[in-house]
Amino acid sequence: MPRYKDSPEVRAAKKERKEKLREFLQLLDVEDYSDLRSVFKDMVGEVLENGLEAEL
């Protein structure tokens, strides 16, 4: 039985995504939970705003 459920390609893609996310958080200077919460709040706001604009 295989040790991993995901294929090697999927595991590689997940690893690359995690590395890019770490780079992105460093670029945004996210150091603690408060910074992360602020970034997440801004991202959700942008997604909702863009969704509403697209609906109009």
PDB file of N, CA and C in Angstrom:
ATOM      1  N   MET A   1       0.848  -1.194   0.000  1.00  0.00           N
ATOM      2  CA  MET A   1       0.000   0.000   0.000  1.00  0.00           C
ATOM      3  C   MET A   1       0.881   1.241   0.000  1.00  0.00           C
ATOM      4  N   PRO A   2       0.552   2.231  -0.840  1.00  0.00           N
ATOM      5  CA  PRO A   2       1.388   3.436  -0.903  1.00  0.00           C
ATOM      6  C   PRO A   2       1.364   4.221   0.400  1.00  0.00           C
ATOM      7  N   ARG A   3       2.474   4.835   0.678  1.00  0.00           N
ATOM      8  CA  ARG A   3       2.608   5.616   1.904  1.00  0.00           C
ATOM      9  C   ARG A   3       1.842   6.940   1.813  1.00  0.00           C
ATOM     10  N   TYR A   4       1.803   7.514   0.617  1.00  0.00           N
ATOM     11  CA  TYR A   4       1.139   8.798   0.409  1.00  0.00           C
ATOM     12  C   TYR A   4      -0.123   8.611  -0.420  1.00  0.00           C
ATOM     13  N   LYS A   5      -1.128   9.410  -0.101  1.00  0.00           N
ATOM     14  CA  LYS A   5      -2.357   9.386  -0.897  1.00  0.00           C
ATOM     15  C   LYS A   5      -2.208  10.204  -2.174  1.00  0.00           C
ATOM     16  N   ASP A   6      -1.390  11.252  -2.105  1.00  0.00           N
ATOM     17  CA  ASP A   6      -1.197  12.140  -3.254  1.00  0.00           C
ATOM     18  C   ASP A   6      -0.091  11.609  -4.160  1.00  0.00           C
ATOM     19  N   SER A   7      -0.202  11.939  -5.425  1.00  0.00           N
ATOM     20  CA  SER A   7       0.833  11.563  -6.385  1.00  0.00           C
ATOM     21  C   SER A   7       2.072  12.422  -6.144  1.00  0.00           C
ATOM     22  N   PRO A   8       3.215  12.019  -6.675  1.00  0.00           N
ATOM     23  CA  PRO A   8       4.422  12.843  -6.526  1.00  0.00           C
ATOM     24  C   PRO A   8       4.244  14.256  -7.088  1.00  0.00           C
ATOM     25  N   GLU A   9       3.485  14.370  -8.168  1.00  0.00           N
ATOM     26  CA  GLU A   9       3.257  15.694  -8.754  1.00  0.00           C
ATOM     27  C   GLU A   9       2.453  16.582  -7.818  1.00  0.00           C
ATOM     28  N   VAL A  10       1.432  16.005  -7.193  1.00  0.00           N
ATOM     29  CA  VAL A  10       0.592  16.776  -6.272  1.00  0.00           C
ATOM     30  C   VAL A  10       1.404  17.176  -5.052  1.00  0.00           C
ATOM     31  N   ARG A  11       2.222  16.269  -4.527  1.00  0.00           N
ATOM     32  CA  ARG A  11       3.068  16.597  -3.370  1.00  0.00           C
ATOM     33  C   ARG A  11       4.049  17.706  -3.719  1.00  0.00           C
ATOM     34  N   ALA A  12       4.625  17.652  -4.914  1.00  0.00           N
ATOM     35  CA  ALA A  12       5.566  18.695  -5.343  1.00  0.00           C
ATOM     36  C   ALA A  12       4.854  20.041  -5.479  1.00  0.00           C
ATOM     37  N   ALA A  13       3.644  20.031  -6.010  1.00  0.00           N
ATOM     38  CA  ALA A  13       2.874  21.269  -6.163  1.00  0.00           C
ATOM     39  C   ALA A  13       2.537  21.857  -4.797  1.00  0.00           C
ATOM     40  N   LYS A  14       2.167  20.992  -3.851  1.00  0.00           N
ATOM     41  CA  LYS A  14       1.850  21.469  -2.500  1.00  0.00           C
ATOM     42  C   LYS A  14       3.087  22.073  -1.837  1.00  0.00           C
ATOM     43  N   LYS A  15       4.235  21.420  -2.013  1.00  0.00           N
ATOM     44  CA  LYS A  15       5.478  21.922  -1.435  1.00  0.00           C
ATOM     45  C   LYS A  15       5.839  23.279  -2.026  1.00  0.00           C
ATOM     46  N   GLU A  16       5.704  23.410  -3.344  1.00  0.00           N
ATOM     47  CA  GLU A  16       6.001  24.681  -4.001  1.00  0.00           C
ATOM     48  C   GLU A  16       5.053  25.781  -3.532  1.00  0.00           C
ATOM     49  N   ARG A  17       3.773  25.439  -3.369  1.00  0.00           N
ATOM     50  CA  ARG A  17       2.786  26.420  -2.903  1.00  0.00           C
ATOM     51  C   ARG A  17       3.133  26.896  -1.500  1.00  0.00           C
ATOM     52  N   LYS A  18       3.544  25.976  -0.618  1.00  0.00           N
ATOM     53  CA  LYS A  18       3.933  26.356   0.743  1.00  0.00           C
ATOM     54  C   LYS A  18       5.145  27.279   0.730  1.00  0.00           C
ATOM     55  N   GLU A  19       6.131  26.973  -0.109  1.00  0.00           N
ATOM     56  CA  GLU A  19       7.320  27.815  -0.193  1.00  0.00           C
ATOM     57  C   GLU A  19       6.968  29.212  -0.683  1.00  0.00           C
ATOM     58  N   LYS A  20       6.114  29.295  -1.685  1.00  0.00           N
ATOM     59  CA  LYS A  20       5.702  30.611  -2.204  1.00  0.00           C
ATOM     60  C   LYS A  20       4.902  31.377  -1.170  1.00  0.00           C
ATOM     61  N   LEU A  21       4.074  30.673  -0.401  1.00  0.00           N
ATOM     62  CA  LEU A  21       3.303  31.333   0.646  1.00  0.00           C
ATOM     63  C   LEU A  21       4.229  31.895   1.716  1.00  0.00           C
ATOM     64  N   ARG A  22       5.260  31.138   2.088  1.00  0.00           N
ATOM     65  CA  ARG A  22       6.228  31.646   3.069  1.00  0.00           C
ATOM     66  C   ARG A  22       6.939  32.889   2.544  1.00  0.00           C
ATOM     67  N   GLU A  23       7.324  32.868   1.269  1.00  0.00           N
ATOM     68  CA  GLU A  23       7.970  34.027   0.660  1.00  0.00           C
ATOM     69  C   GLU A  23       7.032  35.231   0.660  1.00  0.00           C
ATOM     70  N   PHE A  24       5.756  34.983   0.340  1.00  0.00           N
ATOM     71  CA  PHE A  24       4.756  36.046   0.309  1.00  0.00           C
ATOM     72  C   PHE A  24       4.575  36.664   1.693  1.00  0.00           C
ATOM     73  N   LEU A  25       4.503  35.819   2.717  1.00  0.00           N
ATOM     74  CA  LEU A  25       4.339  36.330   4.076  1.00  0.00           C
ATOM     75  C   LEU A  25       5.569  37.115   4.526  1.00  0.00           C
ATOM     76  N   GLN A  26       6.752  36.686   4.110  1.00  0.00           N
ATOM     77  CA  GLN A  26       7.957  37.452   4.426  1.00  0.00           C
ATOM     78  C   GLN A  26       7.938  38.803   3.711  1.00  0.00           C
ATOM     79  N   LEU A  27       7.494  38.808   2.465  1.00  0.00           N
ATOM     80  CA  LEU A  27       7.406  40.048   1.700  1.00  0.00           C
ATOM     81  C   LEU A  27       6.455  41.038   2.372  1.00  0.00           C
ATOM     82  N   LEU A  28       5.366  40.516   2.933  1.00  0.00           N
ATOM     83  CA  LEU A  28       4.394  41.369   3.612  1.00  0.00           C
ATOM     84  C   LEU A  28       4.804  41.689   5.043  1.00  0.00           C
ATOM     85  N   ASP A  29       5.939  41.156   5.480  1.00  0.00           N
ATOM     86  CA  ASP A  29       6.469  41.385   6.825  1.00  0.00           C
ATOM     87  C   ASP A  29       5.510  40.890   7.907  1.00  0.00           C
ATOM     88  N   VAL A  30       4.924  39.713   7.692  1.00  0.00           N
ATOM     89  CA  VAL A  30       4.038  39.101   8.674  1.00  0.00           C
ATOM     90  C   VAL A  30       4.899  38.396   9.711  1.00  0.00           C
ATOM     91  N   GLU A  31       4.810  38.879  10.951  1.00  0.00           N
ATOM     92  CA  GLU A  31       5.642  38.323  12.011  1.00  0.00           C
ATOM     93  C   GLU A  31       4.842  37.630  13.099  1.00  0.00           C
ATOM     94  N   ASP A  32       3.583  37.998  13.259  1.00  0.00           N
ATOM     95  CA  ASP A  32       2.798  37.375  14.319  1.00  0.00           C
ATOM     96  C   ASP A  32       1.336  37.228  13.888  1.00  0.00           C
ATOM     97  N   TYR A  33       0.545  36.715  14.805  1.00  0.00           N
ATOM     98  CA  TYR A  33      -0.859  36.450  14.514  1.00  0.00           C
ATOM     99  C   TYR A  33      -1.615  37.717  14.142  1.00  0.00           C
ATOM    100  N   SER A  34      -1.306  38.814  14.785  1.00  0.00           N
ATOM    101  CA  SER A  34      -1.994  40.078  14.494  1.00  0.00           C
ATOM    102  C   SER A  34      -1.741  40.518  13.054  1.00  0.00           C
ATOM    103  N   ASP A  35      -0.498  40.404  12.609  1.00  0.00           N
ATOM    104  CA  ASP A  35      -0.164  40.753  11.221  1.00  0.00           C
ATOM    105  C   ASP A  35      -0.892  39.831  10.252  1.00  0.00           C
ATOM    106  N   LEU A  36      -0.901  38.543  10.561  1.00  0.00           N
ATOM    107  CA  LEU A  36      -1.566  37.571   9.701  1.00  0.00           C
ATOM    108  C   LEU A  36      -3.061  37.843   9.630  1.00  0.00           C
ATOM    109  N   ARG A  37      -3.649  38.164  10.744  1.00  0.00           N
ATOM    110  CA  ARG A  37      -5.079  38.482  10.786  1.00  0.00           C
ATOM    111  C   ARG A  37      -5.390  39.706   9.935  1.00  0.00           C
ATOM    112  N   SER A  38      -4.543  40.696   9.988  1.00  0.00           N
ATOM    113  CA  SER A  38      -4.735  41.909   9.196  1.00  0.00           C
ATOM    114  C   SER A  38      -4.645  41.607   7.699  1.00  0.00           C
ATOM    115  N   VAL A  39      -3.663  40.801   7.309  1.00  0.00           N
ATOM    116  CA  VAL A  39      -3.515  40.426   5.902  1.00  0.00           C
ATOM    117  C   VAL A  39      -4.734  39.638   5.441  1.00  0.00           C
ATOM    118  N   PHE A  40      -5.178  38.703   6.262  1.00  0.00           N
ATOM    119  CA  PHE A  40      -6.338  37.892   5.903  1.00  0.00           C
ATOM    120  C   PHE A  40      -7.587  38.761   5.760  1.00  0.00           C
ATOM    121  N   LYS A  41      -7.748  39.708   6.655  1.00  0.00           N
ATOM    122  CA  LYS A  41      -8.899  40.620   6.608  1.00  0.00           C
ATOM    123  C   LYS A  41      -8.885  41.432   5.308  1.00  0.00           C
ATOM    124  N   ASP A  42      -7.710  41.941   4.945  1.00  0.00           N
ATOM    125  CA  ASP A  42      -7.586  42.697   3.698  1.00  0.00           C
ATOM    126  C   ASP A  42      -7.892  41.828   2.490  1.00  0.00           C
ATOM    127  N   MET A  43      -7.402  40.575   2.503  1.00  0.00           N
ATOM    128  CA  MET A  43      -7.633  39.668   1.382  1.00  0.00           C
ATOM    129  C   MET A  43      -9.119  39.350   1.229  1.00  0.00           C
ATOM    130  N   VAL A  44      -9.798  39.073   2.323  1.00  0.00           N
ATOM    131  CA  VAL A  44     -11.230  38.773   2.271  1.00  0.00           C
ATOM    132  C   VAL A  44     -11.995  39.986   1.761  1.00  0.00           C
ATOM    133  N   GLY A  45     -11.619  41.168   2.222  1.00  0.00           N
ATOM    134  CA  GLY A  45     -12.264  42.392   1.752  1.00  0.00           C
ATOM    135  C   GLY A  45     -12.108  42.578   0.251  1.00  0.00           C
ATOM    136  N   GLU A  46     -10.917  42.327  -0.265  1.00  0.00           N
ATOM    137  CA  GLU A  46     -10.674  42.453  -1.700  1.00  0.00           C
ATOM    138  C   GLU A  46     -11.499  41.442  -2.496  1.00  0.00           C
ATOM    139  N   VAL A  47     -11.546  40.208  -2.014  1.00  0.00           N
ATOM    140  CA  VAL A  47     -12.312  39.168  -2.709  1.00  0.00           C
ATOM    141  C   VAL A  47     -13.795  39.538  -2.753  1.00  0.00           C
ATOM    142  N   LEU A  48     -14.318  39.969  -1.629  1.00  0.00           N
ATOM    143  CA  LEU A  48     -15.744  40.351  -1.589  1.00  0.00           C
ATOM    144  C   LEU A  48     -16.021  41.557  -2.474  1.00  0.00           C
ATOM    145  N   GLU A  49     -15.146  42.541  -2.425  1.00  0.00           N
ATOM    146  CA  GLU A  49     -15.340  43.735  -3.237  1.00  0.00           C
ATOM    147  C   GLU A  49     -15.291  43.394  -4.736  1.00  0.00           C
ATOM    148  N   ASN A  50     -14.331  42.582  -5.128  1.00  0.00           N
ATOM    149  CA  ASN A  50     -14.226  42.193  -6.522  1.00  0.00           C
ATOM    150  C   ASN A  50     -15.434  41.355  -6.959  1.00  0.00           C
ATOM    151  N   GLY A  51     -15.921  40.503  -6.066  1.00  0.00           N
ATOM    152  CA  GLY A  51     -17.099  39.708  -6.383  1.00  0.00           C
ATOM    153  C   GLY A  51     -18.331  40.587  -6.587  1.00  0.00           C
ATOM    154  N   LEU A  52     -18.480  41.592  -5.741  1.00  0.00           N
ATOM    155  CA  LEU A  52     -19.625  42.488  -5.868  1.00  0.00           C
ATOM    156  C   LEU A  52     -19.530  43.331  -7.141  1.00  0.00           C
ATOM    157  N   GLU A  53     -18.326  43.788  -7.455  1.00  0.00           N
ATOM    158  CA  GLU A  53     -18.144  44.563  -8.690  1.00  0.00           C
ATOM    159  C   GLU A  53     -18.434  43.714  -9.919  1.00  0.00           C
ATOM    160  N   ALA A  54     -18.019  42.463  -9.889  1.00  0.00           N
ATOM    161  CA  ALA A  54     -18.266  41.578 -11.019  1.00  0.00           C
ATOM    162  C   ALA A  54     -19.758  41.307 -11.170  1.00  0.00           C
ATOM    163  N   GLU A  55     -20.469  41.253 -10.064  1.00  0.00           N
ATOM    164  CA  GLU A  55     -21.904  40.995 -10.108  1.00  0.00           C
ATOM    165  C   GLU A  55     -22.657  42.169 -10.717  1.00  0.00           C
ATOM    166  N   LEU A  56     -22.161  43.381 -10.480  1.00  0.00           N
ATOM    167  CA  LEU A  56     -22.817  44.566 -11.039  1.00  0.00           C
ATOM    168  C   LEU A  56     -22.533  44.620 -12.518  1.00  0.00           C
TER     169      LEU A  56
END
